Amino acid sequence: MSRLQLALNVSNLDEAVDFYSKFFKTAPTKLLPGYANFAITEPPLKLVLFENSGVPGTINHLGVEVFTTDEVQDATRYLAEQGFVTDIEEKTTCCFAVQDKVWVDGPDSSRWEVYTVLADASDSSSVVGDETCCESESLVMSDAAPCC
C-alpha cells in the first residue's frame, strides 16, 4: 500500500487549506504554523503545503509515502538496482515527523522521496547542509534535499 505525495509551496496557508479542504472534501491531518498536510483517501494522495517556501505556486518536491521501513528498504534496493544514486535518511526529523526515507533525483532536477512516518515530532525540521529541511530556495530542490 502506498500513496503519491505532492508537496507544494504556497503564499497563503489559510487560503490554500481552505481551497484543498473543499477540493478534496477533507480536512488537514496536520495543521501547524506555515505547514499543513492532508492524507487524502480518494484519490490516494498525501498533499503537503509549505507557506512561503521557495516560489509560491511551485512544486517543493514529490514522493511516495509507504507504511513501513521495510518498504523504504525495498524501494532503496530497487532504485539502486536500477542505477539511481540513492540518498538514505534514517530516523530523520522533518515536517513535524520522524521518518525513514530514500531520495533520488529525477529528470530536470526533480527530487523524489520514498518515505515512511515513524512518529510525530514536536519540531518542524532538521538542518540539511546550510538549509533548513523543507525550505528550499528554488522551484524544487536545491542541492540539500528538502524533506517531508
Foldseek 3Di string as FASTA:
>chain_A
DKAKEWEFEAADVVVVQVVVCVVLVHHFPDDDVQKTWRQGVVVGYIYIYGHPAADHPFTAAIEMEDADVVVQVVVVVVCVVVVWDKDWDAQFAAQQFGKTWIWTADPPRGIYIYMHTDGGHPDHFDDFPPRTAPRDHYRYQDPGHHDD
